[in-house]
Amino acid sequence: MEFQEIQVLEEKLNKLLGYIERLRQERDGLKEVLATKEQENEALKAELARLKQEREEVKTRVKNLLERIDQVAAEG
Protein backbone atom coordinates (compact mmCIF):
# COMPACT_ATOMS: atom_id res chain seq x y z
CA MET A 1 0.00 0.00 0.00
CA GLU A 2 1.39 3.35 -0.98
CA PHE A 3 1.74 6.35 1.25
CA GLN A 4 -0.92 8.25 -0.72
CA GLU A 5 -3.43 5.44 -0.22
CA ILE A 6 -2.74 5.49 3.49
CA GLN A 7 -3.33 9.25 3.52
CA VAL A 8 -6.66 8.79 1.75
CA LEU A 9 -7.67 6.11 4.24
CA GLU A 10 -6.59 8.35 7.11
CA GLU A 11 -8.68 11.25 5.76
CA LYS A 12 -11.71 9.02 5.33
CA LEU A 13 -11.25 7.63 8.82
CA ASN A 14 -10.97 11.13 10.28
CA LYS A 15 -14.15 12.17 8.49
CA LEU A 16 -15.91 9.07 9.76
CA LEU A 17 -14.74 9.69 13.33
CA GLY A 18 -15.92 13.31 13.10
CA TYR A 19 -19.29 12.12 11.83
CA ILE A 20 -19.57 9.64 14.70
CA GLU A 21 -18.77 12.39 17.20
CA ARG A 22 -21.42 14.69 15.71
CA LEU A 23 -23.96 11.88 15.89
CA ARG A 24 -23.09 11.27 19.54
CA GLN A 25 -23.49 14.95 20.34
CA GLU A 26 -26.82 15.03 18.52
CA ARG A 27 -27.96 11.92 20.38
CA ASP A 28 -26.98 13.44 23.73
CA GLY A 29 -28.81 16.66 22.86
CA LEU A 30 -31.90 14.71 21.88
CA LYS A 31 -31.75 12.75 25.13
CA GLU A 32 -31.77 16.03 27.04
CA VAL A 33 -34.72 17.31 25.03
CA LEU A 34 -36.56 14.05 25.62
CA ALA A 35 -35.94 14.20 29.38
CA THR A 36 -37.23 17.78 29.47
CA LYS A 37 -40.33 16.88 27.47
CA GLU A 38 -41.01 13.89 29.70
CA GLN A 39 -40.85 16.15 32.75
CA GLU A 40 -43.20 18.63 31.08
CA ASN A 41 -45.53 15.78 30.19
CA GLU A 42 -45.63 14.54 33.79
CA ALA A 43 -46.32 18.07 35.04
CA LEU A 44 -49.16 18.43 32.54
CA LYS A 45 -50.61 15.08 33.57
CA ALA A 46 -50.58 16.18 37.20
CA GLU A 47 -52.22 19.50 36.26
CA LEU A 48 -54.88 17.68 34.25
CA ALA A 49 -55.64 15.36 37.16
CA ARG A 50 -55.91 18.35 39.49
CA LEU A 51 -58.25 20.16 37.12
CA LYS A 52 -60.44 17.07 36.69
CA GLN A 53 -60.72 16.75 40.46
CA GLU A 54 -61.54 20.43 40.77
CA ARG A 55 -64.20 20.11 38.07
CA GLU A 56 -65.81 17.21 39.91
CA GLU A 57 -65.84 19.22 43.12
CA VAL A 58 -67.47 22.18 41.36
CA LYS A 59 -70.07 19.90 39.76
CA THR A 60 -70.93 18.47 43.17
CA ARG A 61 -71.21 21.91 44.74
CA VAL A 62 -73.42 23.22 41.91
CA LYS A 63 -75.61 20.13 42.13
CA ASN A 64 -76.01 20.65 45.88
CA LEU A 65 -76.86 24.32 45.38
CA LEU A 66 -79.46 23.47 42.73
CA GLU A 67 -81.01 20.89 45.06
CA ARG A 68 -81.20 23.49 47.81
CA ILE A 69 -82.83 25.95 45.42
CA ASP A 70 -85.37 23.29 44.42
CA GLN A 71 -86.10 22.60 48.09
CA VAL A 72 -86.67 26.27 48.85
CA ALA A 73 -88.87 26.65 45.78
CA ALA A 74 -90.91 23.59 46.75
CA GLU A 75 -91.41 24.91 50.27
CA GLY A 76 -92.41 28.38 49.06
C-alpha atoms as a PDB file:
ATOM      1  CA  MET A   1       0.000   0.000   0.000  1.00  0.00           C
ATOM      2  CA  GLU A   2       1.388   3.347  -0.979  1.00  0.00           C
ATOM      3  CA  PHE A   3       1.743   6.350   1.246  1.00  0.00           C
ATOM      4  CA  GLN A   4      -0.919   8.247  -0.716  1.00  0.00           C
ATOM      5  CA  GLU A   5      -3.431   5.437  -0.222  1.00  0.00           C
ATOM      6  CA  ILE A   6      -2.738   5.490   3.494  1.00  0.00           C
ATOM      7  CA  GLN A   7      -3.330   9.252   3.522  1.00  0.00           C
ATOM      8  CA  VAL A   8      -6.657   8.793   1.747  1.00  0.00           C
ATOM      9  CA  LEU A   9      -7.668   6.113   4.240  1.00  0.00           C
ATOM     10  CA  GLU A  10      -6.587   8.350   7.109  1.00  0.00           C
ATOM     11  CA  GLU A  11      -8.684  11.251   5.758  1.00  0.00           C
ATOM     12  CA  LYS A  12     -11.707   9.020   5.328  1.00  0.00           C
ATOM     13  CA  LEU A  13     -11.255   7.627   8.820  1.00  0.00           C
ATOM     14  CA  ASN A  14     -10.967  11.129  10.280  1.00  0.00           C
ATOM     15  CA  LYS A  15     -14.153  12.167   8.490  1.00  0.00           C
ATOM     16  CA  LEU A  16     -15.910   9.070   9.765  1.00  0.00           C
ATOM     17  CA  LEU A  17     -14.744   9.695  13.331  1.00  0.00           C
ATOM     18  CA  GLY A  18     -15.921  13.308  13.098  1.00  0.00           C
ATOM     19  CA  TYR A  19     -19.289  12.123  11.826  1.00  0.00           C
ATOM     20  CA  ILE A  20     -19.567   9.643  14.696  1.00  0.00           C
ATOM     21  CA  GLU A  21     -18.767  12.390  17.201  1.00  0.00           C
ATOM     22  CA  ARG A  22     -21.416  14.694  15.707  1.00  0.00           C
ATOM     23  CA  LEU A  23     -23.955  11.877  15.893  1.00  0.00           C
ATOM     24  CA  ARG A  24     -23.089  11.267  19.541  1.00  0.00           C
ATOM     25  CA  GLN A  25     -23.491  14.955  20.339  1.00  0.00           C
ATOM     26  CA  GLU A  26     -26.816  15.034  18.516  1.00  0.00           C
ATOM     27  CA  ARG A  27     -27.956  11.924  20.384  1.00  0.00           C
ATOM     28  CA  ASP A  28     -26.977  13.442  23.730  1.00  0.00           C
ATOM     29  CA  GLY A  29     -28.812  16.656  22.864  1.00  0.00           C
ATOM     30  CA  LEU A  30     -31.900  14.710  21.880  1.00  0.00           C
ATOM     31  CA  LYS A  31     -31.746  12.752  25.133  1.00  0.00           C
ATOM     32  CA  GLU A  32     -31.769  16.029  27.038  1.00  0.00           C
ATOM     33  CA  VAL A  33     -34.719  17.311  25.027  1.00  0.00           C
ATOM     34  CA  LEU A  34     -36.564  14.048  25.618  1.00  0.00           C
ATOM     35  CA  ALA A  35     -35.938  14.205  29.378  1.00  0.00           C
ATOM     36  CA  THR A  36     -37.231  17.778  29.468  1.00  0.00           C
ATOM     37  CA  LYS A  37     -40.327  16.881  27.469  1.00  0.00           C
ATOM     38  CA  GLU A  38     -41.005  13.885  29.701  1.00  0.00           C
ATOM     39  CA  GLN A  39     -40.847  16.151  32.754  1.00  0.00           C
ATOM     40  CA  GLU A  40     -43.196  18.630  31.082  1.00  0.00           C
ATOM     41  CA  ASN A  41     -45.530  15.775  30.185  1.00  0.00           C
ATOM     42  CA  GLU A  42     -45.631  14.540  33.786  1.00  0.00           C
ATOM     43  CA  ALA A  43     -46.315  18.065  35.037  1.00  0.00           C
ATOM     44  CA  LEU A  44     -49.156  18.426  32.537  1.00  0.00           C
ATOM     45  CA  LYS A  45     -50.613  15.076  33.573  1.00  0.00           C
ATOM     46  CA  ALA A  46     -50.581  16.185  37.201  1.00  0.00           C
ATOM     47  CA  GLU A  47     -52.218  19.496  36.265  1.00  0.00           C
ATOM     48  CA  LEU A  48     -54.878  17.678  34.247  1.00  0.00           C
ATOM     49  CA  ALA A  49     -55.640  15.359  37.162  1.00  0.00           C
ATOM     50  CA  ARG A  50     -55.912  18.354  39.495  1.00  0.00           C
ATOM     51  CA  LEU A  51     -58.253  20.158  37.117  1.00  0.00           C
ATOM     52  CA  LYS A  52     -60.437  17.067  36.694  1.00  0.00           C
ATOM     53  CA  GLN A  53     -60.718  16.753  40.456  1.00  0.00           C
ATOM     54  CA  GLU A  54     -61.538  20.430  40.767  1.00  0.00           C
ATOM     55  CA  ARG A  55     -64.196  20.115  38.067  1.00  0.00           C
ATOM     56  CA  GLU A  56     -65.810  17.209  39.906  1.00  0.00           C
ATOM     57  CA  GLU A  57     -65.844  19.218  43.120  1.00  0.00           C
ATOM     58  CA  VAL A  58     -67.465  22.181  41.359  1.00  0.00           C
ATOM     59  CA  LYS A  59     -70.067  19.902  39.755  1.00  0.00           C
ATOM     60  CA  THR A  60     -70.931  18.467  43.168  1.00  0.00           C
ATOM     61  CA  ARG A  61     -71.209  21.908  44.742  1.00  0.00           C
ATOM     62  CA  VAL A  62     -73.421  23.215  41.915  1.00  0.00           C
ATOM     63  CA  LYS A  63     -75.607  20.131  42.128  1.00  0.00           C
ATOM     64  CA  ASN A  64     -76.013  20.647  45.880  1.00  0.00           C
ATOM     65  CA  LEU A  65     -76.857  24.319  45.377  1.00  0.00           C
ATOM     66  CA  LEU A  66     -79.459  23.468  42.735  1.00  0.00           C
ATOM     67  CA  GLU A  67     -81.009  20.889  45.060  1.00  0.00           C
ATOM     68  CA  ARG A  68     -81.204  23.486  47.811  1.00  0.00           C
ATOM     69  CA  ILE A  69     -82.832  25.949  45.420  1.00  0.00           C
ATOM     70  CA  ASP A  70     -85.371  23.293  44.416  1.00  0.00           C
ATOM     71  CA  GLN A  71     -86.104  22.596  48.085  1.00  0.00           C
ATOM     72  CA  VAL A  72     -86.670  26.274  48.850  1.00  0.00           C
ATOM     73  CA  ALA A  73     -88.871  26.652  45.777  1.00  0.00           C
ATOM     74  CA  ALA A  74     -90.908  23.587  46.749  1.00  0.00           C
ATOM     75  CA  GLU A  75     -91.413  24.912  50.273  1.00  0.00           C
ATOM     76  CA  GLY A  76     -92.410  28.378  49.063  1.00  0.00           C
END
